[in-house]
């Protein structure tokens, strides 16, 4: 069985991405941390992976509704490629 590739999507303020990458590697996956801006530039990158992870933290700061920035980026710019990723299984 080939080694699965895990994409760990990170954004400013998000944390636990290093620990998450380590956990995937211990479990046998090849983990790569990728800034959301790189995926926004080239949404087709997600098709290179079998696992997608959005680690916890305070994306875009610890302000009221700061998580909406990342949520809106996903909803308005990445929804199509992430839906295709999910549909591919």
C-alpha atoms as a PDB file:
ATOM      1  CA  UNK A   1       0.000   0.000   0.000  1.00  0.00           C
ATOM      2  CA  UNK A   2       1.474   3.388  -0.956  1.00  0.00           C
ATOM      3  CA  UNK A   3       2.110   5.930   1.777  1.00  0.00           C
ATOM      4  CA  UNK A   4      -0.841   8.348   2.015  1.00  0.00           C
ATOM      5  CA  UNK A   5      -0.113  12.051   1.708  1.00  0.00           C
ATOM      6  CA  UNK A   6      -1.660  14.353   4.307  1.00  0.00           C
ATOM      7  CA  UNK A   7      -2.203  18.056   3.648  1.00  0.00           C
ATOM      8  CA  UNK A   8      -2.258  20.157   6.793  1.00  0.00           C
ATOM      9  CA  UNK A   9      -3.769  23.499   5.877  1.00  0.00           C
ATOM     10  CA  UNK A  10      -2.463  26.346   7.989  1.00  0.00           C
ATOM     11  CA  UNK A  11      -3.351  30.018   8.308  1.00  0.00           C
ATOM     12  CA  UNK A  12      -2.001  32.918  10.344  1.00  0.00           C
ATOM     13  CA  UNK A  13      -2.628  32.247  14.017  1.00  0.00           C
ATOM     14  CA  UNK A  14      -3.455  28.578  13.586  1.00  0.00           C
ATOM     15  CA  UNK A  15      -1.476  26.309  15.847  1.00  0.00           C
ATOM     16  CA  UNK A  16      -0.856  22.615  16.343  1.00  0.00           C
ATOM     17  CA  UNK A  17       0.182  22.189  12.699  1.00  0.00           C
ATOM     18  CA  UNK A  18       3.642  20.900  13.658  1.00  0.00           C
ATOM     19  CA  UNK A  19       2.208  18.452  16.172  1.00  0.00           C
ATOM     20  CA  UNK A  20      -0.438  17.370  13.684  1.00  0.00           C
ATOM     21  CA  UNK A  21       2.196  16.739  10.999  1.00  0.00           C
ATOM     22  CA  UNK A  22       4.189  14.683  13.491  1.00  0.00           C
ATOM     23  CA  UNK A  23       1.117  12.632  14.425  1.00  0.00           C
ATOM     24  CA  UNK A  24       0.377  11.861  10.774  1.00  0.00           C
ATOM     25  CA  UNK A  25       3.996  10.864  10.200  1.00  0.00           C
ATOM     26  CA  UNK A  26       3.975   8.547  13.224  1.00  0.00           C
ATOM     27  CA  UNK A  27       0.787   7.000  11.826  1.00  0.00           C
ATOM     28  CA  UNK A  28       2.544   6.353   8.518  1.00  0.00           C
ATOM     29  CA  UNK A  29       1.495   9.269   6.317  1.00  0.00           C
ATOM     30  CA  UNK A  30       3.712  11.761   4.528  1.00  0.00           C
ATOM     31  CA  UNK A  31       2.585  15.066   6.020  1.00  0.00           C
ATOM     32  CA  UNK A  32       2.971  18.479   4.441  1.00  0.00           C
ATOM     33  CA  UNK A  33       2.023  21.790   6.005  1.00  0.00           C
ATOM     34  CA  UNK A  34       0.673  24.243   3.438  1.00  0.00           C
ATOM     35  CA  UNK A  35      -0.340  27.863   3.957  1.00  0.00           C
ATOM     36  CA  UNK A  36      -3.871  28.617   2.812  1.00  0.00           C
ATOM     37  CA  UNK A  37      -2.512  31.270   0.419  1.00  0.00           C
ATOM     38  CA  UNK A  38      -0.641  28.581  -1.549  1.00  0.00           C
ATOM     39  CA  UNK A  39      -3.868  26.628  -1.932  1.00  0.00           C
ATOM     40  CA  UNK A  40      -5.738  29.801  -2.932  1.00  0.00           C
ATOM     41  CA  UNK A  41      -3.108  30.368  -5.627  1.00  0.00           C
ATOM     42  CA  UNK A  42      -3.429  26.805  -6.917  1.00  0.00           C
ATOM     43  CA  UNK A  43      -6.540  24.985  -5.647  1.00  0.00           C
ATOM     44  CA  UNK A  44      -5.695  21.888  -7.704  1.00  0.00           C
ATOM     45  CA  UNK A  45      -2.857  21.130  -5.268  1.00  0.00           C
ATOM     46  CA  UNK A  46      -5.374  19.421  -3.002  1.00  0.00           C
ATOM     47  CA  UNK A  47      -5.723  16.597  -5.533  1.00  0.00           C
ATOM     48  CA  UNK A  48      -2.135  15.526  -4.712  1.00  0.00           C
ATOM     49  CA  UNK A  49      -3.242  14.381  -1.238  1.00  0.00           C
ATOM     50  CA  UNK A  50      -5.427  11.675   0.260  1.00  0.00           C
ATOM     51  CA  UNK A  51      -5.937  13.367   3.651  1.00  0.00           C
ATOM     52  CA  UNK A  52      -6.886  16.971   4.443  1.00  0.00           C
ATOM     53  CA  UNK A  53      -6.576  18.395   7.943  1.00  0.00           C
ATOM     54  CA  UNK A  54      -7.427  21.842   9.297  1.00  0.00           C
ATOM     55  CA  UNK A  55      -5.704  22.058  12.687  1.00  0.00           C
ATOM     56  CA  UNK A  56      -7.025  24.121  15.556  1.00  0.00           C
ATOM     57  CA  UNK A  57      -5.968  27.492  16.762  1.00  0.00           C
ATOM     58  CA  UNK A  58      -6.899  31.098  16.375  1.00  0.00           C
ATOM     59  CA  UNK A  59      -6.860  31.575  12.624  1.00  0.00           C
ATOM     60  CA  UNK A  60      -6.238  35.214  11.780  1.00  0.00           C
ATOM     61  CA  UNK A  61      -5.946  36.211  15.416  1.00  0.00           C
ATOM     62  CA  UNK A  62      -7.792  35.934  18.659  1.00  0.00           C
ATOM     63  CA  UNK A  63     -10.446  38.494  17.776  1.00  0.00           C
ATOM     64  CA  UNK A  64     -14.203  38.197  17.621  1.00  0.00           C
ATOM     65  CA  UNK A  65     -15.151  36.348  14.435  1.00  0.00           C
ATOM     66  CA  UNK A  66     -11.505  36.012  13.309  1.00  0.00           C
ATOM     67  CA  UNK A  67     -12.206  32.438  12.250  1.00  0.00           C
ATOM     68  CA  UNK A  68     -14.640  33.788   9.681  1.00  0.00           C
ATOM     69  CA  UNK A  69     -11.744  34.937   7.512  1.00  0.00           C
ATOM     70  CA  UNK A  70     -10.517  31.399   6.982  1.00  0.00           C
ATOM     71  CA  UNK A  71     -14.090  30.135   6.760  1.00  0.00           C
ATOM     72  CA  UNK A  72     -14.901  32.660   4.045  1.00  0.00           C
ATOM     73  CA  UNK A  73     -11.735  31.852   2.137  1.00  0.00           C
ATOM     74  CA  UNK A  74     -12.726  28.198   2.153  1.00  0.00           C
ATOM     75  CA  UNK A  75     -16.400  28.850   1.388  1.00  0.00           C
ATOM     76  CA  UNK A  76     -15.917  31.398  -1.388  1.00  0.00           C
ATOM     77  CA  UNK A  77     -12.624  30.333  -3.000  1.00  0.00           C
ATOM     78  CA  UNK A  78     -11.930  26.691  -2.176  1.00  0.00           C
ATOM     79  CA  UNK A  79     -15.354  25.071  -1.900  1.00  0.00           C
ATOM     80  CA  UNK A  80     -15.291  23.603  -5.408  1.00  0.00           C
ATOM     81  CA  UNK A  81     -11.877  21.970  -5.106  1.00  0.00           C
ATOM     82  CA  UNK A  82     -12.616  20.703  -1.590  1.00  0.00           C
ATOM     83  CA  UNK A  83     -15.915  19.226  -2.736  1.00  0.00           C
ATOM     84  CA  UNK A  84     -14.095  17.439  -5.553  1.00  0.00           C
ATOM     85  CA  UNK A  85     -11.532  16.201  -2.997  1.00  0.00           C
ATOM     86  CA  UNK A  86     -14.301  14.835  -0.778  1.00  0.00           C
ATOM     87  CA  UNK A  87     -16.131  13.262  -3.710  1.00  0.00           C
ATOM     88  CA  UNK A  88     -12.959  11.475  -4.758  1.00  0.00           C
ATOM     89  CA  UNK A  89     -13.014   9.658  -1.449  1.00  0.00           C
END
